[in-house]
Protein backbone atom coordinates (compact mmCIF):
# COMPACT_ATOMS: atom_id res chain seq x y z
CA MET A 1 188.30 -58.69 141.05
CA GLY A 2 187.62 -56.62 144.13
CA ILE A 3 185.07 -53.93 144.83
CA LEU A 4 185.70 -51.96 141.63
CA GLY A 5 185.29 -55.06 139.51
CA ALA A 6 182.04 -55.96 141.23
CA MET A 7 180.76 -52.40 140.79
CA ALA A 8 181.71 -52.42 137.10
CA LYS A 9 180.01 -55.78 136.62
CA HIS A 10 176.79 -54.50 138.17
CA LEU A 11 176.93 -50.89 136.95
CA ASP A 12 173.55 -51.19 135.29
CA ALA A 13 171.96 -52.28 138.58
CA ILE A 14 173.67 -49.46 140.49
CA ILE A 15 173.00 -46.57 138.08
CA GLY A 16 169.85 -47.93 136.40
CA PRO A 17 167.24 -47.01 139.03
CA GLY A 18 168.51 -43.43 139.23
CA VAL A 19 168.59 -43.00 135.45
CA MET A 20 165.41 -44.90 134.66
CA LEU A 21 163.23 -43.94 137.63
CA LEU A 22 164.47 -41.22 140.00
CA PHE A 23 165.57 -38.57 137.50
CA PRO A 24 162.53 -39.07 135.22
CA LEU A 25 160.28 -38.92 138.28
CA TYR A 26 161.83 -35.61 139.38
CA ALA A 27 161.73 -34.20 135.82
CA SER A 28 158.09 -35.30 135.42
CA ILE A 29 157.08 -33.45 138.57
CA ARG A 30 158.88 -30.34 137.31
CA ALA A 31 157.13 -30.71 133.93
CA ILE A 32 153.73 -30.91 135.59
CA GLU A 33 154.45 -27.69 137.46
CA SER A 34 155.81 -25.79 134.44
CA PRO A 35 153.50 -23.82 132.10
CA SER A 36 155.03 -25.33 128.93
CA SER A 37 153.59 -28.47 127.38
CA LEU A 38 156.83 -29.41 125.59
CA ASP A 39 158.39 -30.96 128.67
CA ASP A 40 155.11 -32.74 129.42
CA GLN A 41 155.36 -34.37 126.00
CA GLN A 42 158.97 -35.42 126.65
CA TRP A 43 158.21 -37.09 129.97
CA LEU A 44 154.86 -38.63 129.05
CA THR A 45 156.55 -40.16 126.02
CA TYR A 46 159.43 -41.37 128.20
CA TRP A 47 157.06 -43.14 130.58
CA VAL A 48 155.18 -44.79 127.70
CA ILE A 49 158.42 -46.03 126.14
CA TYR A 50 159.81 -47.13 129.50
CA SER A 51 156.57 -49.06 130.12
CA LEU A 52 156.90 -50.76 126.73
CA ILE A 53 160.52 -51.69 127.51
CA THR A 54 159.43 -53.11 130.87
CA LEU A 55 156.59 -55.10 129.27
CA PHE A 56 159.06 -56.41 126.68
CA GLU A 57 161.43 -57.41 129.49
CA LEU A 58 158.72 -59.15 131.49
CA THR A 59 157.51 -61.02 128.42
CA PHE A 60 160.90 -62.18 127.14
CA TRP A 61 162.85 -62.45 130.41
CA LYS A 62 163.79 -66.10 129.74
CA ILE A 63 165.53 -65.05 126.53
CA LEU A 64 167.00 -61.80 127.88
CA VAL A 65 168.71 -63.67 130.73
CA TRP A 66 170.97 -65.24 128.11
CA ILE A 67 171.96 -61.89 126.56
CA PRO A 68 174.93 -60.78 128.67
CA LEU A 69 174.78 -57.08 127.78
CA TRP A 70 171.01 -56.59 127.97
CA GLY A 71 171.20 -54.56 131.19
CA TYR A 72 173.75 -52.21 129.63
CA VAL A 73 171.80 -51.91 126.36
CA LYS A 74 168.71 -50.95 128.36
CA LEU A 75 170.74 -48.47 130.44
CA VAL A 76 172.20 -46.77 127.35
CA ALA A 77 168.76 -46.66 125.67
CA CYS A 78 167.23 -45.07 128.78
CA LEU A 79 170.11 -42.59 129.01
CA TRP A 80 169.35 -41.56 125.43
CA LEU A 81 165.65 -41.22 126.25
CA VAL A 82 166.25 -39.27 129.48
CA LEU A 83 169.22 -36.95 129.07
CA PRO A 84 168.27 -33.40 128.01
CA ILE A 85 171.10 -33.17 125.47
CA PHE A 86 169.52 -36.04 123.51
CA ASN A 87 165.78 -35.72 124.32
CA GLY A 88 165.32 -39.19 122.87
CA ALA A 89 161.75 -39.56 124.06
CA ALA A 90 160.71 -36.32 122.36
CA TYR A 91 162.56 -37.43 119.20
CA ILE A 92 160.66 -40.72 119.16
CA TYR A 93 157.37 -38.89 119.68
CA GLU A 94 158.00 -36.40 116.89
CA ASN A 95 159.41 -38.86 114.34
CA ILE A 96 157.53 -42.08 115.02
CA VAL A 97 154.48 -41.74 117.25
CA ARG A 98 153.10 -38.56 115.69
CA LYS A 99 153.41 -40.03 112.17
CA TYR A 100 151.50 -43.22 112.89
CA VAL A 101 149.16 -42.44 115.77
CA LYS A 102 146.41 -40.02 114.83
CA ILE A 103 144.39 -39.62 118.03
CA GLY A 104 142.05 -36.66 118.06
CA ARG A 105 143.07 -35.58 114.56
CA TYR A 106 139.57 -35.63 113.06
CA VAL A 107 138.55 -32.28 111.68
CA ASN A 108 135.21 -31.60 110.07
CA PRO A 109 135.68 -32.11 106.29
CA ASN A 110 133.41 -29.11 105.55
CA TYR A 111 136.16 -26.66 106.54
CA PRO A 112 138.43 -25.26 103.81
CA GLU A 113 141.81 -27.02 103.47
CA ASN A 114 143.89 -24.21 105.01
CA GLN A 115 141.57 -24.09 108.04
CA LYS A 116 141.75 -27.88 108.42
CA LYS A 117 145.56 -27.65 108.55
CA VAL A 118 145.42 -25.02 111.29
CA LEU A 119 142.88 -27.04 113.28
CA GLN A 120 144.97 -30.23 113.03
CA MET A 121 147.95 -28.46 114.62
CA MET A 122 145.94 -27.51 117.70
CA THR A 123 145.28 -29.43 120.86
CA LEU A 124 141.87 -31.02 121.18
CA ASP A 125 140.64 -28.37 123.66
CA SER A 126 141.82 -25.50 121.44
CA ARG A 127 140.25 -27.12 118.41
CA LYS A 128 136.88 -27.38 120.17
CA SER A 129 137.03 -23.69 121.10
CA VAL A 130 137.90 -22.69 117.54
CA GLU A 131 135.15 -24.86 116.11
CA ARG A 132 132.65 -23.16 118.44
CA TYR A 133 134.01 -19.80 117.25
CA ILE A 134 133.58 -20.85 113.60
CA ASP A 135 130.05 -22.10 114.27
CA ARG A 136 129.15 -18.80 115.95
CA TYR A 137 130.89 -16.27 113.67
CA GLY A 138 131.46 -18.23 110.46
CA PRO A 139 134.55 -19.47 108.60
CA ASP A 140 135.31 -16.00 107.19
CA ALA A 141 135.82 -14.60 110.69
CA PHE A 142 138.20 -17.45 111.49
CA GLU A 143 140.09 -16.81 108.25
CA ARG A 144 140.55 -13.17 109.25
CA VAL A 145 141.89 -14.24 112.66
CA VAL A 146 144.37 -16.65 111.05
CA LYS A 147 145.59 -14.00 108.61
CA ALA A 148 145.99 -11.45 111.40
CA ALA A 149 148.01 -14.02 113.42
CA GLU A 150 150.21 -14.73 110.37
CA ARG A 151 150.85 -11.00 109.88
CA GLU A 152 151.71 -10.63 113.56
CA ALA A 153 154.03 -13.63 113.44
CA ARG A 154 155.91 -12.17 110.46
CA LYS A 155 156.58 -8.96 112.41
CA HIS A 156 158.51 -10.87 115.06
C-alpha cells in the first residue's frame, strides 16, 4: 500500500483539522475585524453547526465507528460549510435557522404593519434606536423617514 495508500486512507485526518478548524479560525478573525456583518453571520453559523456536528459525533461515536466513510462525509460537509464558493453555513442560516428561530423578533403590535415589517428586518440595537425615535417623534415621522429612504434607494 505504501505511503500514498496510507495518506489516502487517512485523508480526512490529514486535511480535516485544516478545513474544519484552522481556516475557519483564520476567517473568523478576519470577519471580526471587518466592518461587514455578513461574514460574521457566515462564521458564527459555521461554528454553531460545527459544534452540533461535534456533539452528534460525541454522542453517537459507538455507532459512527462502524460507518467506514463517516470521516469523509464529515470532511465533505465541512468543506461545503467553509468554502467561500459554497457558503454553506450562510445558506443554512438563511434557509433553515432564520425560518424557525425567531430570537429578538418581537415588535410592538401597536405599530402599523408596514412599520412592523421594517422593524423586523433590523438588528436588535437598530430596532431599539428606531423605537426610541418613534416614541419621541411619533409614527408619522418614522413613516416619512422610511419613504425618504425608499425614494433614495430607487435613485440608485
